[in-house]
C-alpha atoms as a PDB file:
ATOM      1  CA  MET A   1    -161.596 120.519-161.457  1.00  0.00           C
ATOM      2  CA  ASN A   2    -159.135 123.371-161.904  1.00  0.00           C
ATOM      3  CA  LYS A   3    -160.565 125.913-164.370  1.00  0.00           C
ATOM      4  CA  ILE A   4    -157.355 126.013-166.423  1.00  0.00           C
ATOM      5  CA  VAL A   5    -157.292 122.212-166.795  1.00  0.00           C
ATOM      6  CA  TYR A   6    -161.001 122.290-167.684  1.00  0.00           C
ATOM      7  CA  ALA A   7    -160.384 124.945-170.351  1.00  0.00           C
ATOM      8  CA  PHE A   8    -157.549 122.916-171.894  1.00  0.00           C
ATOM      9  CA  LEU A   9    -159.671 119.755-171.936  1.00  0.00           C
ATOM     10  CA  LEU A  10    -162.506 121.569-173.710  1.00  0.00           C
ATOM     11  CA  SER A  11    -160.230 123.110-176.339  1.00  0.00           C
ATOM     12  CA  PHE A  12    -158.450 119.773-176.890  1.00  0.00           C
ATOM     13  CA  THR A  13    -161.756 117.901-177.286  1.00  0.00           C
ATOM     14  CA  ALA A  14    -163.163 120.532-179.642  1.00  0.00           C
ATOM     15  CA  GLY A  15    -159.993 120.411-181.745  1.00  0.00           C
ATOM     16  CA  LEU A  16    -159.897 116.619-181.977  1.00  0.00           C
ATOM     17  CA  SER A  17    -163.510 116.564-183.202  1.00  0.00           C
ATOM     18  CA  THR A  18    -161.941 117.556-186.533  1.00  0.00           C
ATOM     19  CA  LEU A  19    -160.806 113.929-186.810  1.00  0.00           C
ATOM     20  CA  ILE A  20    -164.439 112.806-187.102  1.00  0.00           C
ATOM     21  CA  GLY A  21    -164.214 114.332-190.566  1.00  0.00           C
ATOM     22  CA  THR A  22    -161.831 111.526-191.564  1.00  0.00           C
ATOM     23  CA  ILE A  23    -164.528 108.840-191.148  1.00  0.00           C
ATOM     24  CA  PRO A  24    -165.669 108.963-194.822  1.00  0.00           C
ATOM     25  CA  ILE A  25    -162.225 107.829-196.025  1.00  0.00           C
ATOM     26  CA  PHE A  26    -162.743 104.485-194.247  1.00  0.00           C
ATOM     27  CA  PHE A  27    -166.125 103.863-195.905  1.00  0.00           C
ATOM     28  CA  ARG A  28    -165.816 103.801-199.672  1.00  0.00           C
ATOM     29  CA  LYS A  29    -169.228 102.510-200.771  1.00  0.00           C
ATOM     30  CA  LEU A  30    -169.799 105.702-202.764  1.00  0.00           C
ATOM     31  CA  ASN A  31    -167.700 106.173-205.873  1.00  0.00           C
ATOM     32  CA  LYS A  32    -164.855 108.655-205.794  1.00  0.00           C
ATOM     33  CA  GLU A  33    -166.589 111.414-207.782  1.00  0.00           C
ATOM     34  CA  THR A  34    -169.726 111.303-205.645  1.00  0.00           C
ATOM     35  CA  MET A  35    -167.769 111.217-202.387  1.00  0.00           C
ATOM     36  CA  ILE A  36    -165.625 114.229-203.324  1.00  0.00           C
ATOM     37  CA  THR A  37    -168.581 116.219-204.656  1.00  0.00           C
ATOM     38  CA  LEU A  38    -170.747 115.610-201.584  1.00  0.00           C
ATOM     39  CA  SER A  39    -167.924 116.173-199.095  1.00  0.00           C
ATOM     40  CA  LEU A  40    -166.492 119.365-200.562  1.00  0.00           C
ATOM     41  CA  ALA A  41    -169.904 120.923-201.259  1.00  0.00           C
ATOM     42  CA  PHE A  42    -171.008 120.103-197.696  1.00  0.00           C
ATOM     43  CA  ALA A  43    -167.821 121.600-196.232  1.00  0.00           C
ATOM     44  CA  GLY A  44    -168.212 124.669-198.449  1.00  0.00           C
ATOM     45  CA  GLY A  45    -171.783 125.195-197.227  1.00  0.00           C
ATOM     46  CA  VAL A  46    -170.652 124.879-193.615  1.00  0.00           C
ATOM     47  CA  MET A  47    -167.765 127.343-194.051  1.00  0.00           C
ATOM     48  CA  ILE A  48    -169.973 129.960-195.703  1.00  0.00           C
ATOM     49  CA  CYS A  49    -172.718 129.522-193.109  1.00  0.00           C
ATOM     50  CA  VAL A  50    -170.257 129.705-190.194  1.00  0.00           C
ATOM     51  CA  SER A  51    -168.752 132.878-191.635  1.00  0.00           C
ATOM     52  CA  ILE A  52    -172.080 134.631-192.244  1.00  0.00           C
ATOM     53  CA  THR A  53    -174.093 133.508-189.219  1.00  0.00           C
ATOM     54  CA  ASP A  54    -171.333 133.179-186.636  1.00  0.00           C
ATOM     55  CA  LEU A  55    -167.955 134.787-187.345  1.00  0.00           C
ATOM     56  CA  ILE A  56    -169.106 138.061-188.927  1.00  0.00           C
ATOM     57  CA  PRO A  57    -171.876 138.810-186.357  1.00  0.00           C
ATOM     58  CA  GLU A  58    -169.524 137.913-183.496  1.00  0.00           C
ATOM     59  CA  ALA A  59    -166.781 140.096-184.980  1.00  0.00           C
ATOM     60  CA  PHE A  60    -169.226 142.985-185.312  1.00  0.00           C
ATOM     61  CA  SER A  61    -170.362 142.553-181.714  1.00  0.00           C
ATOM     62  CA  LEU A  62    -166.788 142.537-180.389  1.00  0.00           C
ATOM     63  CA  ILE A  63    -165.614 145.510-182.452  1.00  0.00           C
ATOM     64  CA  ARG A  64    -168.811 147.398-181.579  1.00  0.00           C
ATOM     65  CA  GLU A  65    -167.761 147.386-177.928  1.00  0.00           C
ATOM     66  CA  SER A  66    -164.980 149.851-178.808  1.00  0.00           C
ATOM     67  CA  VAL A  67    -166.271 151.928-181.737  1.00  0.00           C
ATOM     68  CA  LEU A  68    -169.497 153.411-183.134  1.00  0.00           C
ATOM     69  CA  PRO A  69    -171.657 151.424-185.611  1.00  0.00           C
ATOM     70  CA  PHE A  70    -170.504 153.013-188.881  1.00  0.00           C
ATOM     71  CA  PRO A  71    -166.743 152.812-188.156  1.00  0.00           C
ATOM     72  CA  CYS A  72    -167.397 149.290-186.841  1.00  0.00           C
ATOM     73  CA  ILE A  73    -168.903 148.207-190.173  1.00  0.00           C
ATOM     74  CA  LEU A  74    -166.047 149.848-192.065  1.00  0.00           C
ATOM     75  CA  ILE A  75    -163.369 148.204-189.896  1.00  0.00           C
ATOM     76  CA  LEU A  76    -165.090 144.835-190.196  1.00  0.00           C
ATOM     77  CA  ALA A  77    -165.265 145.165-193.995  1.00  0.00           C
ATOM     78  CA  ILE A  78    -161.585 146.148-194.225  1.00  0.00           C
ATOM     79  CA  PHE A  79    -160.449 143.114-192.229  1.00  0.00           C
ATOM     80  CA  LEU A  80    -162.853 140.855-194.100  1.00  0.00           C
ATOM     81  CA  VAL A  81    -161.141 141.929-197.326  1.00  0.00           C
ATOM     82  CA  LEU A  82    -157.738 141.492-195.671  1.00  0.00           C
ATOM     83  CA  GLY A  83    -158.773 137.924-194.877  1.00  0.00           C
ATOM     84  CA  ILE A  84    -159.668 137.329-198.532  1.00  0.00           C
ATOM     85  CA  LEU A  85    -156.335 138.804-199.624  1.00  0.00           C
ATOM     86  CA  THR A  86    -154.543 136.606-197.089  1.00  0.00           C
ATOM     87  CA  SER A  87    -156.311 133.567-198.520  1.00  0.00           C
ATOM     88  CA  ILE A  88    -155.287 134.606-202.039  1.00  0.00           C
ATOM     89  CA  PHE A  89    -151.683 134.894-200.819  1.00  0.00           C
ATOM     90  CA  ILE A  90    -151.878 131.400-199.265  1.00  0.00           C
ATOM     91  CA  ASP A  91    -153.304 130.163-202.558  1.00  0.00           C
ATOM     92  CA  LYS A  92    -150.285 131.550-204.423  1.00  0.00           C
ATOM     93  CA  LEU A  93    -147.914 129.575-202.189  1.00  0.00           C
ATOM     94  CA  PHE A  94    -149.068 126.353-203.824  1.00  0.00           C
ATOM     95  CA  PRO A  95    -148.290 125.413-207.430  1.00  0.00           C
ATOM     96  CA  ASN A  96    -150.967 126.388-209.907  1.00  0.00           C
ATOM     97  CA  LYS A  97    -151.728 124.694-213.190  1.00  0.00           C
ATOM     98  CA  THR A  98    -148.631 123.506-215.037  1.00  0.00           C
ATOM     99  CA  SER A  99    -147.972 121.120-217.910  1.00  0.00           C
ATOM    100  CA  ASN A 100    -147.867 118.257-215.382  1.00  0.00           C
ATOM    101  CA  TYR A 101    -150.997 119.436-213.588  1.00  0.00           C
ATOM    102  CA  THR A 102    -153.525 116.693-212.787  1.00  0.00           C
ATOM    103  CA  ARG A 103    -156.819 116.415-210.954  1.00  0.00           C
ATOM    104  CA  GLN A 104    -154.912 114.734-208.112  1.00  0.00           C
ATOM    105  CA  SER A 105    -152.566 117.725-207.919  1.00  0.00           C
ATOM    106  CA  HIS A 106    -155.534 120.065-207.634  1.00  0.00           C
ATOM    107  CA  LEU A 107    -157.181 117.928-204.965  1.00  0.00           C
ATOM    108  CA  TYR A 108    -153.969 117.898-202.942  1.00  0.00           C
ATOM    109  CA  ARG A 109    -153.749 121.675-203.315  1.00  0.00           C
ATOM    110  CA  VAL A 110    -157.344 122.078-202.116  1.00  0.00           C
ATOM    111  CA  GLY A 111    -156.641 119.907-199.081  1.00  0.00           C
ATOM    112  CA  MET A 112    -153.474 121.790-198.125  1.00  0.00           C
ATOM    113  CA  ILE A 113    -155.077 125.219-198.532  1.00  0.00           C
ATOM    114  CA  SER A 114    -158.058 124.061-196.468  1.00  0.00           C
ATOM    115  CA  MET A 115    -155.679 122.811-193.770  1.00  0.00           C
ATOM    116  CA  MET A 116    -153.856 126.153-193.563  1.00  0.00           C
ATOM    117  CA  ALA A 117    -157.131 128.091-193.489  1.00  0.00           C
ATOM    118  CA  ILE A 118    -158.554 125.874-190.738  1.00  0.00           C
ATOM    119  CA  ILE A 119    -155.377 126.170-188.657  1.00  0.00           C
ATOM    120  CA  ALA A 120    -155.738 129.954-188.934  1.00  0.00           C
ATOM    121  CA  HIS A 121    -159.375 129.545-187.906  1.00  0.00           C
ATOM    122  CA  ASN A 122    -158.758 127.169-184.997  1.00  0.00           C
ATOM    123  CA  LEU A 123    -156.041 129.213-183.269  1.00  0.00           C
ATOM    124  CA  PRO A 124    -158.342 132.094-182.236  1.00  0.00           C
ATOM    125  CA  GLU A 125    -161.107 129.580-181.502  1.00  0.00           C
ATOM    126  CA  GLY A 126    -158.741 127.912-179.042  1.00  0.00           C
ATOM    127  CA  ILE A 127    -158.003 131.315-177.505  1.00  0.00           C
ATOM    128  CA  ALA A 128    -161.724 132.100-177.239  1.00  0.00           C
ATOM    129  CA  THR A 129    -162.527 128.686-175.716  1.00  0.00           C
ATOM    130  CA  PHE A 130    -159.760 129.033-173.133  1.00  0.00           C
ATOM    131  CA  LEU A 131    -160.666 132.588-172.126  1.00  0.00           C
ATOM    132  CA  SER A 132    -164.408 131.899-171.919  1.00  0.00           C
ATOM    133  CA  SER A 133    -163.939 128.620-170.028  1.00  0.00           C
ATOM    134  CA  THR A 134    -161.702 130.122-167.374  1.00  0.00           C
ATOM    135  CA  ASN A 135    -164.277 132.863-166.749  1.00  0.00           C
ATOM    136  CA  ASN A 136    -167.538 130.936-167.183  1.00  0.00           C
ATOM    137  CA  THR A 137    -167.454 127.134-167.278  1.00  0.00           C
ATOM    138  CA  LYS A 138    -170.975 126.772-168.728  1.00  0.00           C
ATOM    139  CA  LEU A 139    -170.277 129.301-171.501  1.00  0.00           C
ATOM    140  CA  GLY A 140    -166.998 127.533-172.276  1.00  0.00           C
ATOM    141  CA  LEU A 141    -168.789 124.173-172.560  1.00  0.00           C
ATOM    142  CA  MET A 142    -171.453 125.543-174.917  1.00  0.00           C
ATOM    143  CA  LEU A 143    -168.807 127.265-177.043  1.00  0.00           C
ATOM    144  CA  SER A 144    -166.690 124.121-177.282  1.00  0.00           C
ATOM    145  CA  ILE A 145    -169.733 122.051-178.371  1.00  0.00           C
ATOM    146  CA  ALA A 146    -170.543 124.583-181.093  1.00  0.00           C
ATOM    147  CA  ILE A 147    -166.914 124.579-182.257  1.00  0.00           C
ATOM    148  CA  ALA A 148    -166.786 120.772-182.248  1.00  0.00           C
ATOM    149  CA  LEU A 149    -169.890 120.591-184.465  1.00  0.00           C
ATOM    150  CA  HIS A 150    -168.438 122.769-187.191  1.00  0.00           C
ATOM    151  CA  ASN A 151    -164.957 121.268-186.880  1.00  0.00           C
ATOM    152  CA  ILE A 152    -166.297 117.974-188.264  1.00  0.00           C
ATOM    153  CA  PRO A 153    -167.022 119.221-191.819  1.00  0.00           C
ATOM    154  CA  GLU A 154    -163.810 121.235-191.700  1.00  0.00           C
ATOM    155  CA  GLY A 155    -162.022 117.926-191.143  1.00  0.00           C
ATOM    156  CA  ILE A 156    -163.839 116.540-194.184  1.00  0.00           C
ATOM    157  CA  SER A 157    -162.539 119.431-196.296  1.00  0.00           C
ATOM    158  CA  ILE A 158    -158.979 118.293-195.487  1.00  0.00           C
ATOM    159  CA  ALA A 159    -159.278 114.512-195.267  1.00  0.00           C
ATOM    160  CA  ILE A 160    -161.215 113.849-198.477  1.00  0.00           C
ATOM    161  CA  PRO A 161    -159.015 115.776-200.944  1.00  0.00           C
ATOM    162  CA  ILE A 162    -155.779 114.623-199.256  1.00  0.00           C
ATOM    163  CA  PHE A 163    -156.892 110.986-199.277  1.00  0.00           C
ATOM    164  CA  TYR A 164    -158.068 110.917-202.886  1.00  0.00           C
ATOM    165  CA  SER A 165    -154.994 112.797-204.119  1.00  0.00           C
ATOM    166  CA  THR A 166    -152.390 110.723-202.234  1.00  0.00           C
ATOM    167  CA  LYS A 167    -154.278 107.417-201.706  1.00  0.00           C
ATOM    168  CA  SER A 168    -152.930 107.544-198.158  1.00  0.00           C
ATOM    169  CA  LYS A 169    -155.280 107.265-195.182  1.00  0.00           C
ATOM    170  CA  LYS A 170    -152.322 107.991-192.919  1.00  0.00           C
ATOM    171  CA  LYS A 171    -151.600 111.347-194.559  1.00  0.00           C
ATOM    172  CA  ALA A 172    -155.270 112.299-194.562  1.00  0.00           C
ATOM    173  CA  PHE A 173    -155.514 111.440-190.854  1.00  0.00           C
ATOM    174  CA  LEU A 174    -152.278 113.198-189.868  1.00  0.00           C
ATOM    175  CA  TYR A 175    -153.022 116.409-191.793  1.00  0.00           C
ATOM    176  CA  THR A 176    -156.489 116.545-190.256  1.00  0.00           C
ATOM    177  CA  LEU A 177    -154.995 115.901-186.810  1.00  0.00           C
ATOM    178  CA  LEU A 178    -152.517 118.740-187.349  1.00  0.00           C
ATOM    179  CA  SER A 179    -155.344 121.175-188.046  1.00  0.00           C
ATOM    180  CA  GLY A 180    -157.250 119.947-184.989  1.00  0.00           C
ATOM    181  CA  LEU A 181    -154.255 120.378-182.679  1.00  0.00           C
ATOM    182  CA  SER A 182    -154.124 124.071-183.552  1.00  0.00           C
ATOM    183  CA  GLU A 183    -157.177 124.480-181.276  1.00  0.00           C
ATOM    184  CA  PRO A 184    -155.388 123.500-178.034  1.00  0.00           C
ATOM    185  CA  LEU A 185    -152.329 125.360-179.336  1.00  0.00           C
ATOM    186  CA  GLY A 186    -154.466 128.508-179.342  1.00  0.00           C
ATOM    187  CA  ALA A 187    -155.479 127.740-175.755  1.00  0.00           C
ATOM    188  CA  LEU A 188    -151.823 127.279-174.798  1.00  0.00           C
ATOM    189  CA  LEU A 189    -150.880 130.610-176.398  1.00  0.00           C
ATOM    190  CA  ALA A 190    -153.701 132.276-174.488  1.00  0.00           C
ATOM    191  CA  TYR A 191    -152.469 130.762-171.228  1.00  0.00           C
ATOM    192  CA  LEU A 192    -148.783 131.584-171.734  1.00  0.00           C
ATOM    193  CA  PHE A 193    -148.806 134.933-173.527  1.00  0.00           C
ATOM    194  CA  LEU A 194    -152.150 136.391-174.521  1.00  0.00           C
ATOM    195  CA  ASN A 195    -154.382 136.166-171.469  1.00  0.00           C
ATOM    196  CA  SER A 196    -153.763 139.777-170.502  1.00  0.00           C
ATOM    197  CA  PHE A 197    -153.349 141.174-174.042  1.00  0.00           C
ATOM    198  CA  VAL A 198    -156.290 139.805-176.029  1.00  0.00           C
ATOM    199  CA  THR A 199    -159.078 142.386-176.126  1.00  0.00           C
ATOM    200  CA  PRO A 200    -162.587 142.076-177.616  1.00  0.00           C
ATOM    201  CA  PHE A 201    -161.524 144.529-180.336  1.00  0.00           C
ATOM    202  CA  LEU A 202    -158.526 142.403-181.334  1.00  0.00           C
ATOM    203  CA  MET A 203    -160.613 139.220-181.336  1.00  0.00           C
ATOM    204  CA  GLY A 204    -163.149 140.991-183.536  1.00  0.00           C
ATOM    205  CA  LEU A 205    -160.448 141.878-186.059  1.00  0.00           C
ATOM    206  CA  LEU A 206    -159.156 138.287-186.079  1.00  0.00           C
ATOM    207  CA  LEU A 207    -162.633 136.835-186.573  1.00  0.00           C
ATOM    208  CA  SER A 208    -163.270 139.261-189.453  1.00  0.00           C
ATOM    209  CA  MET A 209    -160.114 138.101-191.213  1.00  0.00           C
ATOM    210  CA  ILE A 210    -160.916 134.441-190.606  1.00  0.00           C
ATOM    211  CA  ALA A 211    -164.391 134.919-192.069  1.00  0.00           C
ATOM    212  CA  GLY A 212    -162.786 136.376-195.207  1.00  0.00           C
ATOM    213  CA  ILE A 213    -160.346 133.466-195.439  1.00  0.00           C
ATOM    214  CA  MET A 214    -163.070 130.859-195.070  1.00  0.00           C
ATOM    215  CA  ILE A 215    -165.448 132.498-197.562  1.00  0.00           C
ATOM    216  CA  HIS A 216    -162.649 132.664-200.127  1.00  0.00           C
ATOM    217  CA  ILE A 217    -161.615 129.029-199.550  1.00  0.00           C
ATOM    218  CA  ALA A 218    -165.227 127.854-199.889  1.00  0.00           C
ATOM    219  CA  CYS A 219    -166.013 129.911-203.003  1.00  0.00           C
ATOM    220  CA  TYR A 220    -162.653 129.658-204.776  1.00  0.00           C
ATOM    221  CA  GLU A 221    -161.424 126.174-203.853  1.00  0.00           C
ATOM    222  CA  LEU A 222    -164.023 123.814-202.378  1.00  0.00           C
ATOM    223  CA  LEU A 223    -167.103 124.592-204.478  1.00  0.00           C
ATOM    224  CA  PRO A 224    -165.311 124.873-207.852  1.00  0.00           C
ATOM    225  CA  GLU A 225    -163.556 121.574-207.175  1.00  0.00           C
ATOM    226  CA  ALA A 226    -166.866 119.938-206.252  1.00  0.00           C
ATOM    227  CA  TYR A 227    -168.490 121.351-209.404  1.00  0.00           C
ATOM    228  CA  SER A 228    -165.679 120.022-211.598  1.00  0.00           C
ATOM    229  CA  TYR A 229    -167.032 116.468-211.170  1.00  0.00           C
ATOM    230  CA  HIS A 230    -170.208 117.451-213.071  1.00  0.00           C
ATOM    231  CA  LEU A 231    -172.727 116.290-210.484  1.00  0.00           C
ATOM    232  CA  PRO A 232    -174.592 119.603-210.016  1.00  0.00           C
ATOM    233  CA  TRP A 233    -177.690 118.253-208.261  1.00  0.00           C
ATOM    234  CA  LYS A 234    -175.680 116.271-205.737  1.00  0.00           C
ATOM    235  CA  MET A 235    -173.430 119.260-205.189  1.00  0.00           C
ATOM    236  CA  ALA A 236    -176.371 121.633-204.662  1.00  0.00           C
ATOM    237  CA  PHE A 237    -178.098 119.197-202.284  1.00  0.00           C
ATOM    238  CA  SER A 238    -174.963 118.667-200.183  1.00  0.00           C
ATOM    239  CA  PHE A 239    -174.192 122.407-200.120  1.00  0.00           C
ATOM    240  CA  ILE A 240    -177.703 123.197-198.846  1.00  0.00           C
ATOM    241  CA  VAL A 241    -177.536 120.384-196.276  1.00  0.00           C
ATOM    242  CA  GLY A 242    -174.262 121.850-194.960  1.00  0.00           C
ATOM    243  CA  ILE A 243    -175.832 125.282-194.581  1.00  0.00           C
ATOM    244  CA  VAL A 244    -179.019 123.954-192.952  1.00  0.00           C
ATOM    245  CA  ILE A 245    -177.222 121.701-190.457  1.00  0.00           C
ATOM    246  CA  MET A 246    -174.802 124.428-189.434  1.00  0.00           C
ATOM    247  CA  TYR A 247    -177.562 127.043-189.191  1.00  0.00           C
ATOM    248  CA  PHE A 248    -179.698 124.913-186.899  1.00  0.00           C
ATOM    249  CA  SER A 249    -176.716 123.854-184.787  1.00  0.00           C
ATOM    250  CA  HIS A 250    -175.936 127.554-184.389  1.00  0.00           C
ATOM    251  CA  ILE A 251    -179.507 128.222-183.254  1.00  0.00           C
ATOM    252  CA  LEU A 252    -179.416 125.338-180.768  1.00  0.00           C
ATOM    253  CA  MET A 253    -176.166 126.608-179.257  1.00  0.00           C
ATOM    254  CA  CYS A 254    -177.478 130.170-178.796  1.00  0.00           C
END
């Protein structure tokens, strides 16, 4: 198979794995409060774990190829903070509490912010999958499997709040699909424009920013929303499960 076609297939498959995160909306045996608490806490644990054990170390490794250790740490920290500030800016784009503010409004807001953050996350992942796959098919396969695994809870972080705020399975599915399609879009951008311009240093900067965005989304949106349903033990359990599953999947993919 042509390496370019293979790379596109991997990025497309990894992106569409986000849709697996919509499965809980079709099984409603758990009550609404429990479902939201478990789902958002799990997604928050995954996002924090991915940022700390995957994105930040990878960003450091890529930036380190061009600069010495101390400047590397400083640059990484600067772009991590820039990612947090970017997430705060995204947060400001959506209406905050008003006189007509409801729990459904907040859930919808959480889902939309998660979608934008995950699109920002998936674009460089698509670039990385495409570039690695065209150079090393085995490495590309392993990377796409790892990405697919952590795309599932990211899909949950979109589908659950969108579904429970709008009561629409169609919207939850379509918004999750949109975030997943940003993965092959990243691969397409790499193929058309970025193949000769993307450097390890630039990828390191992007990954640093994405880590900041995801940490902010998890700590400022997902976990507070999960906690607001007053099920602290379920929230803590699901958060820890998210971290443990993602940590061990990371180890298995290394």
